[in-house]
Amino acid sequence: MKDEGTNIEVFNDGTQPEEELIEVCPICGCAELYYEAGGIEGLYHCKHCGYIGAFVIDANKEMMELIQKEYDASARDAE
C-alpha cells in the first residue's frame, strides 16, 4: 500500500498500533546515547560500552532486548 502523496510504502494497515522505535547502540543495545562533540560531527557515544560512531539502530523493545542478550552472552564468553 502506498502512502498518498509520497513514494513511501506503508506496511501498517491500521489494524495494529504503530511501534515505538528507540535509537540504541549497535554494539550493546543500550538506549543511553549522547552526541559526541556537541553533535557537530554526527557521532553518537554509548554510555554503557563506550561505542562512538554515526550508526545507531532504530529498534523496538523486543529487538533492543535481543541485542542486549547477545552482548551479555559475548561478554560472558570473553571472561
Protein backbone atom coordinates (compact mmCIF):
# COMPACT_ATOMS: atom_id res chain seq x y z
CA MET A 1 0.00 0.00 0.00
CA LYS A 2 1.43 3.40 -0.99
CA ASP A 3 1.05 6.45 1.20
CA GLU A 4 -0.86 9.14 -0.69
CA GLY A 5 1.35 11.97 -1.91
CA THR A 6 4.64 10.16 -1.28
CA ASN A 7 6.60 7.22 -2.62
CA ILE A 8 6.79 5.62 0.81
CA GLU A 9 5.31 2.17 1.14
CA VAL A 10 3.23 1.76 4.30
CA PHE A 11 3.21 -1.68 5.91
CA ASN A 12 0.85 -0.90 8.78
CA ASP A 13 -2.70 -1.43 7.55
CA GLY A 14 -4.19 0.38 10.55
CA THR A 15 -5.24 -2.75 12.42
CA GLN A 16 -2.19 -2.67 14.71
CA PRO A 17 -0.79 0.32 16.58
CA GLU A 18 2.48 1.83 15.32
CA GLU A 19 5.53 0.53 17.19
CA GLU A 20 7.67 2.99 19.09
CA LEU A 21 11.25 2.87 17.85
CA ILE A 22 14.17 3.76 20.09
CA GLU A 23 17.69 4.69 18.98
CA VAL A 24 20.02 2.10 20.52
CA CYS A 25 23.72 1.29 20.39
CA PRO A 26 24.52 -1.30 17.68
CA ILE A 27 27.07 -2.97 19.99
CA CYS A 28 25.26 -3.41 23.33
CA GLY A 29 21.65 -2.32 22.67
CA CYS A 30 21.72 0.43 25.30
CA ALA A 31 19.48 3.44 24.71
CA GLU A 32 21.71 5.76 26.76
CA LEU A 33 23.34 7.58 23.84
CA TYR A 34 24.52 11.15 23.58
CA TYR A 35 26.07 13.22 20.81
CA GLU A 36 29.85 13.27 20.81
CA ALA A 37 31.44 16.72 20.34
CA GLY A 38 28.12 18.52 20.71
CA GLY A 39 26.53 16.81 17.72
CA ILE A 40 28.69 18.69 15.20
CA GLU A 41 30.21 15.55 13.71
CA GLY A 42 27.03 13.47 13.94
CA LEU A 43 28.65 10.87 16.18
CA TYR A 44 26.88 9.05 18.99
CA HIS A 45 28.59 7.91 22.18
CA CYS A 46 27.19 5.00 24.22
CA LYS A 47 27.36 5.46 28.00
CA HIS A 48 27.35 1.69 28.57
CA CYS A 49 30.01 0.20 26.27
CA GLY A 50 31.84 3.31 25.03
CA TYR A 51 30.87 2.90 21.36
CA ILE A 52 31.47 6.02 19.26
CA GLY A 53 30.06 6.15 15.75
CA ALA A 54 27.47 7.57 13.40
CA PHE A 55 25.47 4.34 13.12
CA VAL A 56 22.67 3.60 15.58
CA ILE A 57 19.77 1.18 15.33
CA ASP A 58 16.11 2.22 15.44
CA ALA A 59 14.79 -0.74 17.40
CA ASN A 60 11.58 -1.75 19.07
CA LYS A 61 11.72 -3.06 22.64
CA GLU A 62 11.99 -6.71 21.54
CA MET A 63 14.91 -6.03 19.20
CA MET A 64 16.67 -3.95 21.87
CA GLU A 65 16.41 -6.84 24.35
CA LEU A 66 17.80 -9.30 21.78
CA ILE A 67 20.84 -7.08 21.13
CA GLN A 68 21.42 -6.74 24.88
CA LYS A 69 21.21 -10.52 25.42
CA GLU A 70 23.69 -11.14 22.59
CA TYR A 71 26.09 -8.55 24.02
CA ASP A 72 25.83 -10.01 27.53
CA ALA A 73 26.45 -13.54 26.20
CA SER A 74 29.53 -12.42 24.26
CA ALA A 75 30.84 -10.58 27.33
CA ARG A 76 30.46 -13.76 29.43
CA ASP A 77 32.28 -15.80 26.76
CA ALA A 78 35.17 -13.31 26.79
CA GLU A 79 35.74 -13.77 30.54
